Amino acid sequence: MTRLIAEQLPRSARLDGDFISRLVVGGRVGALGEPAEEAARQVELCNRNLCTLANNFADAGFTPVIDWVIPDRAQLDFFVSLLPARRVLFVVLAPGSEVCRYRNTIRDPRERFDFDGYDALDAAMRRELGDVGWWFDTAALSPEETVECIVREAGMEAAAGSSRRIAADSEGCDT
């Protein structure tokens, strides 16, 4: 989805957190891996790298589009603290766990995310972040319709001229 969004913007860069985290080769521990302390350390490193890249691209006149799971308030606050001079549009694609599972099965095998904790992750994120950002139910939308809504919302945010804002609360987008 973020690739499609970035392609709609005149000057943009897509920053994929999964790609950045895989730059660690020797000693790599996934975000949910063990030991948990090392997994947390590597997630923090990935977050720092994503935000440094975002700042560098923004300074060069590109709109950074970050593709990464932000599971809780602490991680979101950390992200925002590393982007202090930036306007942040935080979008949570929230089509529901059944749709997530289905969409994962139709992805290119290299893009699949084998994960069975959708319901628990959704519940935890809603508890931690339910009052922040744009929780966008995309279940009934195609990727192209979803992108159109997000790009339109981002354009309205830019037109509003806010110096830093974490997305408009919204229930959806008329397409």
N, C-alpha and C. Protein backbone atom coordinates (compact mmCIF):
# COMPACT_ATOMS: atom_id res chain seq x y z
N MET A 1 0.82 -1.19 0.00
CA MET A 1 0.00 0.00 0.00
C MET A 1 0.87 1.26 0.00
N THR A 2 1.91 1.26 0.83
CA THR A 2 2.74 2.46 0.91
C THR A 2 3.46 2.73 -0.41
N ARG A 3 3.79 1.68 -1.15
CA ARG A 3 4.40 1.89 -2.46
C ARG A 3 3.43 2.63 -3.37
N LEU A 4 2.17 2.23 -3.36
CA LEU A 4 1.16 2.90 -4.19
C LEU A 4 0.98 4.36 -3.76
N ILE A 5 1.00 4.60 -2.46
CA ILE A 5 0.88 5.97 -1.96
C ILE A 5 2.06 6.80 -2.45
N ALA A 6 3.27 6.28 -2.26
CA ALA A 6 4.46 7.03 -2.67
C ALA A 6 4.46 7.31 -4.17
N GLU A 7 3.95 6.39 -4.96
CA GLU A 7 3.90 6.59 -6.41
C GLU A 7 2.95 7.71 -6.80
N GLN A 8 1.99 8.05 -5.94
CA GLN A 8 1.03 9.12 -6.25
C GLN A 8 1.56 10.51 -5.89
N LEU A 9 2.65 10.57 -5.18
CA LEU A 9 3.20 11.84 -4.73
C LEU A 9 4.31 12.28 -5.68
N PRO A 10 4.44 13.58 -5.91
CA PRO A 10 5.42 14.04 -6.90
C PRO A 10 6.87 13.79 -6.52
N ARG A 11 7.21 13.90 -5.25
CA ARG A 11 8.58 13.62 -4.77
C ARG A 11 8.42 12.85 -3.46
N SER A 12 8.72 11.57 -3.50
CA SER A 12 8.48 10.75 -2.32
C SER A 12 9.51 9.65 -2.19
N ALA A 13 9.59 9.10 -1.00
CA ALA A 13 10.45 7.95 -0.71
C ALA A 13 9.66 7.00 0.18
N ARG A 14 9.67 5.73 -0.18
CA ARG A 14 9.02 4.70 0.63
C ARG A 14 10.07 4.07 1.53
N LEU A 15 9.81 4.10 2.83
CA LEU A 15 10.73 3.55 3.82
C LEU A 15 10.06 2.34 4.46
N ASP A 16 10.57 1.18 4.16
CA ASP A 16 9.98 -0.08 4.59
C ASP A 16 10.70 -0.58 5.84
N GLY A 17 10.00 -0.58 6.97
CA GLY A 17 10.58 -1.01 8.23
C GLY A 17 11.06 -2.45 8.21
N ASP A 18 10.34 -3.31 7.49
CA ASP A 18 10.78 -4.71 7.40
C ASP A 18 12.13 -4.79 6.68
N PHE A 19 12.27 -4.02 5.59
CA PHE A 19 13.53 -4.01 4.86
C PHE A 19 14.66 -3.48 5.76
N ILE A 20 14.40 -2.37 6.45
CA ILE A 20 15.42 -1.77 7.31
C ILE A 20 15.82 -2.75 8.42
N SER A 21 14.84 -3.43 9.02
CA SER A 21 15.17 -4.35 10.11
C SER A 21 16.00 -5.53 9.60
N ARG A 22 15.81 -5.92 8.34
CA ARG A 22 16.57 -7.04 7.77
C ARG A 22 17.98 -6.65 7.36
N LEU A 23 18.34 -5.39 7.51
CA LEU A 23 19.73 -5.02 7.26
C LEU A 23 20.65 -5.67 8.28
N VAL A 24 20.10 -5.95 9.47
CA VAL A 24 20.86 -6.72 10.45
C VAL A 24 20.85 -8.16 9.97
N VAL A 25 22.02 -8.71 9.75
CA VAL A 25 22.12 -10.08 9.24
C VAL A 25 22.60 -11.00 10.35
N GLY A 26 23.81 -10.80 10.82
CA GLY A 26 24.34 -11.62 11.90
C GLY A 26 23.73 -11.18 13.22
N GLY A 27 23.09 -12.11 13.92
CA GLY A 27 22.49 -11.79 15.21
C GLY A 27 21.10 -11.19 15.13
N ARG A 28 20.49 -11.23 13.95
CA ARG A 28 19.16 -10.65 13.79
C ARG A 28 18.14 -11.38 14.65
N VAL A 29 17.30 -10.58 15.34
CA VAL A 29 16.18 -11.10 16.11
C VAL A 29 14.95 -10.34 15.66
N GLY A 30 13.92 -11.04 15.23
CA GLY A 30 12.69 -10.39 14.79
C GLY A 30 12.00 -9.66 15.93
N ALA A 31 11.08 -8.78 15.58
CA ALA A 31 10.40 -7.94 16.57
C ALA A 31 9.73 -8.75 17.69
N LEU A 32 9.26 -9.93 17.38
CA LEU A 32 8.59 -10.77 18.39
C LEU A 32 9.48 -11.92 18.84
N GLY A 33 10.77 -11.86 18.47
CA GLY A 33 11.68 -12.96 18.75
C GLY A 33 12.27 -12.94 20.14
N GLU A 34 13.14 -13.90 20.37
CA GLU A 34 13.83 -14.08 21.65
C GLU A 34 15.33 -14.02 21.41
N PRO A 35 16.06 -13.49 22.34
CA PRO A 35 15.60 -12.92 23.61
C PRO A 35 14.88 -11.59 23.41
N ALA A 36 13.86 -11.37 24.21
CA ALA A 36 13.00 -10.20 24.06
C ALA A 36 13.78 -8.89 24.17
N GLU A 37 14.79 -8.86 25.03
CA GLU A 37 15.57 -7.62 25.19
C GLU A 37 16.30 -7.26 23.90
N GLU A 38 16.83 -8.28 23.23
CA GLU A 38 17.52 -8.03 21.96
C GLU A 38 16.54 -7.65 20.87
N ALA A 39 15.38 -8.28 20.87
CA ALA A 39 14.34 -7.91 19.90
C ALA A 39 13.96 -6.44 20.08
N ALA A 40 13.76 -6.01 21.32
CA ALA A 40 13.41 -4.61 21.60
C ALA A 40 14.52 -3.67 21.16
N ARG A 41 15.76 -4.05 21.41
CA ARG A 41 16.91 -3.22 21.01
C ARG A 41 16.95 -3.06 19.49
N GLN A 42 16.69 -4.15 18.78
CA GLN A 42 16.72 -4.08 17.32
C GLN A 42 15.53 -3.32 16.76
N VAL A 43 14.37 -3.40 17.39
CA VAL A 43 13.22 -2.58 16.97
C VAL A 43 13.55 -1.10 17.16
N GLU A 44 14.16 -0.76 18.30
CA GLU A 44 14.53 0.63 18.53
C GLU A 44 15.53 1.11 17.48
N LEU A 45 16.51 0.27 17.15
CA LEU A 45 17.48 0.61 16.12
C LEU A 45 16.78 0.84 14.77
N CYS A 46 15.86 -0.04 14.43
CA CYS A 46 15.10 0.12 13.19
C CYS A 46 14.32 1.44 13.21
N ASN A 47 13.66 1.74 14.33
CA ASN A 47 12.90 2.98 14.43
C ASN A 47 13.81 4.19 14.25
N ARG A 48 14.97 4.17 14.90
CA ARG A 48 15.92 5.28 14.75
C ARG A 48 16.36 5.43 13.29
N ASN A 49 16.65 4.31 12.64
CA ASN A 49 17.07 4.36 11.25
C ASN A 49 15.96 4.86 10.34
N LEU A 50 14.74 4.39 10.55
CA LEU A 50 13.61 4.87 9.75
C LEU A 50 13.43 6.37 9.89
N CYS A 51 13.49 6.87 11.12
CA CYS A 51 13.27 8.29 11.34
C CYS A 51 14.42 9.13 10.81
N THR A 52 15.65 8.63 10.93
CA THR A 52 16.80 9.34 10.35
C THR A 52 16.65 9.44 8.84
N LEU A 53 16.29 8.33 8.21
CA LEU A 53 16.05 8.36 6.77
C LEU A 53 14.91 9.31 6.42
N ALA A 54 13.83 9.26 7.18
CA ALA A 54 12.68 10.15 6.92
C ALA A 54 13.11 11.61 7.00
N ASN A 55 13.86 11.95 8.02
CA ASN A 55 14.34 13.33 8.16
C ASN A 55 15.25 13.71 6.99
N ASN A 56 16.15 12.82 6.60
CA ASN A 56 17.05 13.11 5.48
C ASN A 56 16.29 13.32 4.18
N PHE A 57 15.33 12.45 3.90
CA PHE A 57 14.54 12.61 2.68
C PHE A 57 13.70 13.88 2.74
N ALA A 58 13.08 14.16 3.87
CA ALA A 58 12.28 15.39 4.00
C ALA A 58 13.15 16.62 3.80
N ASP A 59 14.34 16.62 4.38
CA ASP A 59 15.26 17.75 4.21
C ASP A 59 15.64 17.95 2.74
N ALA A 60 15.62 16.88 1.96
CA ALA A 60 15.96 16.96 0.54
C ALA A 60 14.73 17.22 -0.33
N GLY A 61 13.57 17.46 0.31
CA GLY A 61 12.37 17.81 -0.44
C GLY A 61 11.49 16.66 -0.86
N PHE A 62 11.70 15.49 -0.26
CA PHE A 62 10.86 14.33 -0.56
C PHE A 62 9.90 14.07 0.60
N THR A 63 8.72 13.57 0.28
CA THR A 63 7.77 13.15 1.32
C THR A 63 8.08 11.71 1.68
N PRO A 64 8.52 11.47 2.92
CA PRO A 64 8.77 10.08 3.32
C PRO A 64 7.45 9.39 3.68
N VAL A 65 7.29 8.18 3.18
CA VAL A 65 6.13 7.35 3.49
C VAL A 65 6.68 6.11 4.19
N ILE A 66 6.40 6.00 5.48
CA ILE A 66 6.96 4.91 6.28
C ILE A 66 5.96 3.76 6.38
N ASP A 67 6.43 2.58 6.08
CA ASP A 67 5.63 1.36 6.18
C ASP A 67 6.19 0.54 7.34
N TRP A 68 5.47 0.54 8.46
CA TRP A 68 5.97 -0.14 9.66
C TRP A 68 4.83 -0.26 10.65
N VAL A 69 4.82 -1.31 11.42
CA VAL A 69 3.81 -1.49 12.46
C VAL A 69 4.24 -0.71 13.71
N ILE A 70 3.36 0.15 14.17
CA ILE A 70 3.57 0.89 15.42
C ILE A 70 2.56 0.31 16.41
N PRO A 71 2.98 -0.61 17.29
CA PRO A 71 2.02 -1.37 18.08
C PRO A 71 1.53 -0.70 19.36
N ASP A 72 2.22 0.37 19.82
CA ASP A 72 1.82 0.93 21.11
C ASP A 72 2.19 2.41 21.20
N ARG A 73 1.69 3.05 22.25
CA ARG A 73 1.90 4.48 22.44
C ARG A 73 3.37 4.83 22.64
N ALA A 74 4.09 4.00 23.37
CA ALA A 74 5.50 4.29 23.62
C ALA A 74 6.28 4.34 22.31
N GLN A 75 6.02 3.39 21.41
CA GLN A 75 6.74 3.39 20.13
C GLN A 75 6.31 4.58 19.28
N LEU A 76 5.04 4.93 19.28
CA LEU A 76 4.59 6.10 18.53
C LEU A 76 5.23 7.38 19.08
N ASP A 77 5.22 7.52 20.39
CA ASP A 77 5.84 8.71 21.01
C ASP A 77 7.32 8.79 20.67
N PHE A 78 8.00 7.65 20.67
CA PHE A 78 9.42 7.61 20.32
C PHE A 78 9.60 8.08 18.88
N PHE A 79 8.77 7.56 17.97
CA PHE A 79 8.83 7.95 16.57
C PHE A 79 8.65 9.46 16.43
N VAL A 80 7.61 9.99 17.03
CA VAL A 80 7.32 11.42 16.91
C VAL A 80 8.46 12.25 17.51
N SER A 81 9.08 11.77 18.58
CA SER A 81 10.19 12.50 19.19
C SER A 81 11.39 12.57 18.25
N LEU A 82 11.52 11.58 17.36
CA LEU A 82 12.62 11.57 16.40
C LEU A 82 12.29 12.35 15.12
N LEU A 83 11.06 12.82 15.03
CA LEU A 83 10.61 13.62 13.88
C LEU A 83 10.08 14.97 14.38
N PRO A 84 10.85 15.69 15.19
CA PRO A 84 10.31 16.85 15.91
C PRO A 84 9.86 18.00 15.02
N ALA A 85 10.46 18.18 13.88
CA ALA A 85 10.11 19.31 13.03
C ALA A 85 9.19 18.90 11.89
N ARG A 86 8.59 17.73 11.99
CA ARG A 86 7.81 17.19 10.87
C ARG A 86 6.33 17.11 11.21
N ARG A 87 5.53 17.26 10.18
CA ARG A 87 4.10 16.99 10.29
C ARG A 87 3.93 15.50 10.05
N VAL A 88 3.33 14.79 10.99
CA VAL A 88 3.18 13.34 10.90
C VAL A 88 1.72 13.01 10.70
N LEU A 89 1.43 12.25 9.66
CA LEU A 89 0.08 11.74 9.44
C LEU A 89 0.14 10.25 9.77
N PHE A 90 -0.42 9.88 10.90
CA PHE A 90 -0.39 8.50 11.39
C PHE A 90 -1.67 7.80 10.96
N VAL A 91 -1.53 6.83 10.07
CA VAL A 91 -2.68 6.12 9.51
C VAL A 91 -2.58 4.66 9.92
N VAL A 92 -3.65 4.15 10.51
CA VAL A 92 -3.73 2.73 10.85
C VAL A 92 -4.75 2.11 9.91
N LEU A 93 -4.27 1.24 9.02
CA LEU A 93 -5.19 0.52 8.16
C LEU A 93 -5.85 -0.56 9.01
N ALA A 94 -7.16 -0.48 9.15
CA ALA A 94 -7.87 -1.34 10.09
C ALA A 94 -9.07 -2.03 9.43
N PRO A 95 -8.80 -2.96 8.51
CA PRO A 95 -9.91 -3.63 7.84
C PRO A 95 -10.51 -4.79 8.63
N GLY A 96 -9.93 -5.13 9.76
CA GLY A 96 -10.39 -6.26 10.55
C GLY A 96 -9.51 -7.47 10.32
N SER A 97 -9.47 -8.35 11.31
CA SER A 97 -8.53 -9.46 11.26
C SER A 97 -8.84 -10.47 10.15
N GLU A 98 -10.10 -10.72 9.86
CA GLU A 98 -10.42 -11.68 8.79
C GLU A 98 -9.94 -11.17 7.44
N VAL A 99 -10.14 -9.89 7.18
CA VAL A 99 -9.68 -9.31 5.93
C VAL A 99 -8.15 -9.33 5.87
N CYS A 100 -7.50 -9.03 6.99
CA CYS A 100 -6.03 -9.10 7.02
C CYS A 100 -5.54 -10.50 6.67
N ARG A 101 -6.16 -11.48 7.28
CA ARG A 101 -5.75 -12.87 7.00
C ARG A 101 -5.94 -13.20 5.51
N TYR A 102 -7.09 -12.85 4.97
CA TYR A 102 -7.38 -13.14 3.57
C TYR A 102 -6.39 -12.42 2.65
N ARG A 103 -6.19 -11.11 2.89
CA ARG A 103 -5.29 -10.34 2.03
C ARG A 103 -3.87 -10.90 2.08
N ASN A 104 -3.48 -11.42 3.21
CA ASN A 104 -2.15 -12.00 3.31
C ASN A 104 -2.02 -13.23 2.41
N THR A 105 -3.10 -14.00 2.26
CA THR A 105 -3.04 -15.22 1.43
C THR A 105 -2.92 -14.89 -0.05
N ILE A 106 -3.37 -13.72 -0.47
CA ILE A 106 -3.33 -13.39 -1.90
C ILE A 106 -2.11 -12.53 -2.27
N ARG A 107 -1.27 -12.22 -1.30
CA ARG A 107 -0.04 -11.48 -1.58
C ARG A 107 0.97 -12.38 -2.28
N ASP A 108 1.90 -11.73 -2.95
CA ASP A 108 3.07 -12.44 -3.47
C ASP A 108 3.72 -13.14 -2.27
N PRO A 109 4.12 -14.39 -2.43
CA PRO A 109 4.71 -15.12 -1.29
C PRO A 109 5.86 -14.38 -0.60
N ARG A 110 6.61 -13.59 -1.36
CA ARG A 110 7.72 -12.83 -0.76
C ARG A 110 7.23 -11.69 0.12
N GLU A 111 5.98 -11.28 -0.05
CA GLU A 111 5.41 -10.17 0.71
C GLU A 111 4.54 -10.63 1.87
N ARG A 112 4.32 -11.92 2.00
CA ARG A 112 3.45 -12.43 3.06
C ARG A 112 4.09 -12.27 4.43
N PHE A 113 3.22 -12.11 5.40
CA PHE A 113 3.65 -11.98 6.78
C PHE A 113 2.95 -13.08 7.55
N ASP A 114 3.66 -14.14 7.84
CA ASP A 114 3.06 -15.27 8.54
C ASP A 114 2.93 -14.92 10.02
N PHE A 115 1.70 -14.69 10.42
CA PHE A 115 1.41 -14.16 11.75
C PHE A 115 0.02 -14.60 12.13
N ASP A 116 -0.15 -15.13 13.32
CA ASP A 116 -1.48 -15.58 13.72
C ASP A 116 -2.05 -14.78 14.88
N GLY A 117 -1.46 -13.65 15.19
CA GLY A 117 -1.91 -12.85 16.33
C GLY A 117 -2.67 -11.59 15.96
N TYR A 118 -3.38 -11.61 14.82
CA TYR A 118 -4.10 -10.41 14.37
C TYR A 118 -5.05 -9.86 15.43
N ASP A 119 -5.87 -10.74 16.00
CA ASP A 119 -6.88 -10.27 16.95
C ASP A 119 -6.24 -9.66 18.19
N ALA A 120 -5.21 -10.29 18.72
CA ALA A 120 -4.53 -9.77 19.90
C ALA A 120 -3.83 -8.44 19.58
N LEU A 121 -3.17 -8.37 18.41
CA LEU A 121 -2.50 -7.13 18.02
C LEU A 121 -3.51 -6.01 17.85
N ASP A 122 -4.62 -6.29 17.18
CA ASP A 122 -5.66 -5.28 16.98
C ASP A 122 -6.20 -4.78 18.31
N ALA A 123 -6.48 -5.69 19.22
CA ALA A 123 -7.01 -5.29 20.54
C ALA A 123 -6.00 -4.45 21.30
N ALA A 124 -4.74 -4.86 21.28
CA ALA A 124 -3.71 -4.11 21.99
C ALA A 124 -3.52 -2.73 21.38
N MET A 125 -3.49 -2.66 20.05
CA MET A 125 -3.32 -1.36 19.40
C MET A 125 -4.50 -0.44 19.68
N ARG A 126 -5.70 -0.96 19.66
CA ARG A 126 -6.87 -0.12 19.95
C ARG A 126 -6.83 0.39 21.39
N ARG A 127 -6.38 -0.46 22.31
CA ARG A 127 -6.25 -0.05 23.71
C ARG A 127 -5.22 1.08 23.85
N GLU A 128 -4.09 0.91 23.20
CA GLU A 128 -2.97 1.86 23.32
C GLU A 128 -3.13 3.09 22.44
N LEU A 129 -3.67 2.89 21.23
CA LEU A 129 -3.63 3.96 20.22
C LEU A 129 -5.00 4.33 19.66
N GLY A 130 -6.05 3.80 20.26
CA GLY A 130 -7.38 4.01 19.70
C GLY A 130 -7.82 5.45 19.60
N ASP A 131 -7.20 6.32 20.39
CA ASP A 131 -7.58 7.74 20.36
C ASP A 131 -6.61 8.58 19.54
N VAL A 132 -5.71 7.93 18.81
CA VAL A 132 -4.68 8.64 18.05
C VAL A 132 -4.75 8.22 16.60
N GLY A 133 -4.56 9.16 15.72
CA GLY A 133 -4.42 8.85 14.31
C GLY A 133 -5.74 8.60 13.61
N TRP A 134 -5.59 8.16 12.40
CA TRP A 134 -6.73 7.88 11.52
C TRP A 134 -6.86 6.38 11.41
N TRP A 135 -7.83 5.81 12.09
CA TRP A 135 -8.12 4.38 12.02
C TRP A 135 -9.03 4.20 10.82
N PHE A 136 -8.48 3.70 9.75
CA PHE A 136 -9.13 3.68 8.46
C PHE A 136 -9.55 2.25 8.12
N ASP A 137 -10.86 2.01 8.15
CA ASP A 137 -11.40 0.69 7.81
C ASP A 137 -11.41 0.57 6.29
N THR A 138 -10.52 -0.23 5.78
CA THR A 138 -10.34 -0.38 4.33
C THR A 138 -10.95 -1.67 3.80
N ALA A 139 -11.74 -2.35 4.62
CA ALA A 139 -12.25 -3.68 4.24
C ALA A 139 -13.00 -3.66 2.92
N ALA A 140 -13.75 -2.62 2.65
CA ALA A 140 -14.58 -2.58 1.44
C ALA A 140 -13.90 -1.84 0.29
N LEU A 141 -12.65 -1.44 0.47
CA LEU A 141 -11.97 -0.65 -0.55
C LEU A 141 -10.87 -1.44 -1.24
N SER A 142 -10.68 -1.15 -2.50
CA SER A 142 -9.54 -1.70 -3.23
C SER A 142 -8.29 -0.96 -2.79
N PRO A 143 -7.12 -1.50 -3.10
CA PRO A 143 -5.90 -0.75 -2.80
C PRO A 143 -5.90 0.65 -3.43
N GLU A 144 -6.37 0.75 -4.66
CA GLU A 144 -6.40 2.04 -5.34
C GLU A 144 -7.33 3.03 -4.65
N GLU A 145 -8.49 2.56 -4.21
CA GLU A 145 -9.43 3.44 -3.49
C GLU A 145 -8.84 3.87 -2.15
N THR A 146 -8.17 2.95 -1.47
CA THR A 146 -7.54 3.26 -0.19
C THR A 146 -6.48 4.35 -0.39
N VAL A 147 -5.64 4.17 -1.40
CA VAL A 147 -4.59 5.15 -1.70
C VAL A 147 -5.20 6.51 -2.02
N GLU A 148 -6.23 6.52 -2.82
CA GLU A 148 -6.89 7.79 -3.17
C GLU A 148 -7.35 8.54 -1.91
N CYS A 149 -7.95 7.82 -0.99
CA CYS A 149 -8.42 8.45 0.25
C CYS A 149 -7.26 8.98 1.10
N ILE A 150 -6.22 8.18 1.23
CA ILE A 150 -5.08 8.60 2.05
C ILE A 150 -4.38 9.80 1.44
N VAL A 151 -4.17 9.79 0.14
CA VAL A 151 -3.50 10.92 -0.52
C VAL A 151 -4.36 12.16 -0.41
N ARG A 152 -5.67 12.01 -0.55
CA ARG A 152 -6.58 13.16 -0.42
C ARG A 152 -6.52 13.72 1.01
N GLU A 153 -6.55 12.85 2.01
CA GLU A 153 -6.48 13.29 3.42
C GLU A 153 -5.15 13.99 3.69
N ALA A 154 -4.06 13.42 3.18
CA ALA A 154 -2.75 14.05 3.38
C ALA A 154 -2.72 15.42 2.73
N GLY A 155 -3.34 15.56 1.56
CA GLY A 155 -3.40 16.87 0.90
C GLY A 155 -4.20 17.87 1.71
N MET A 156 -5.29 17.43 2.33
CA MET A 156 -6.08 18.33 3.17
C MET A 156 -5.29 18.73 4.40
N GLU A 157 -4.53 17.79 4.96
CA GLU A 157 -3.69 18.10 6.11
C GLU A 157 -2.65 19.14 5.73
N ALA A 158 -2.03 18.98 4.56
CA ALA A 158 -1.01 19.93 4.11
C ALA A 158 -1.63 21.30 3.88
N ALA A 159 -2.83 21.32 3.30
CA ALA A 159 -3.50 22.60 3.04
C ALA A 159 -3.85 23.31 4.33
N ALA A 160 -4.11 22.54 5.39
CA ALA A 160 -4.45 23.15 6.68
C ALA A 160 -3.24 23.84 7.30
N GLY A 161 -2.05 23.45 6.85
CA GLY A 161 -0.84 24.13 7.28
C GLY A 161 -0.41 23.88 8.70
N SER A 162 -0.86 22.79 9.31
CA SER A 162 -0.44 22.52 10.68
C SER A 162 1.03 22.15 10.71
N SER A 163 1.73 22.56 11.75
CA SER A 163 3.16 22.28 11.83
C SER A 163 3.43 20.84 12.21
N ARG A 164 2.60 20.28 13.06
CA ARG A 164 2.71 18.86 13.37
C ARG A 164 1.36 18.38 13.85
N ARG A 165 0.87 17.35 13.23
CA ARG A 165 -0.43 16.82 13.60
C ARG A 165 -0.41 15.33 13.36
N ILE A 166 -0.99 14.60 14.28
CA ILE A 166 -1.08 13.16 14.11
C ILE A 166 -2.49 12.86 13.64
N ALA A 167 -2.64 12.85 12.36
CA ALA A 167 -3.86 12.51 11.61
C ALA A 167 -5.17 13.02 12.17
N ALA A 168 -6.07 13.22 11.27
CA ALA A 168 -7.43 13.59 11.62
C ALA A 168 -8.19 12.32 12.00
N ASP A 169 -8.99 12.40 13.05
CA ASP A 169 -9.83 11.26 13.37
C ASP A 169 -10.90 11.15 12.30
N SER A 170 -11.10 9.95 11.82
CA SER A 170 -12.05 9.76 10.76
C SER A 170 -12.54 8.32 10.77
N GLU A 171 -13.73 8.10 10.37
CA GLU A 171 -14.28 6.75 10.30
C GLU A 171 -14.09 6.14 8.93
N GLY A 172 -13.77 6.93 7.96
CA GLY A 172 -13.62 6.38 6.62
C GLY A 172 -13.50 7.49 5.60
N CYS A 173 -13.61 7.13 4.36
CA CYS A 173 -13.44 8.09 3.28
C CYS A 173 -14.49 7.80 2.23
N ASP A 174 -15.17 8.81 1.80
CA ASP A 174 -16.14 8.63 0.72
C ASP A 174 -15.37 8.49 -0.60
N THR A 175 -15.68 7.45 -1.33
CA THR A 175 -14.99 7.27 -2.60
C THR A 175 -15.97 7.30 -3.74
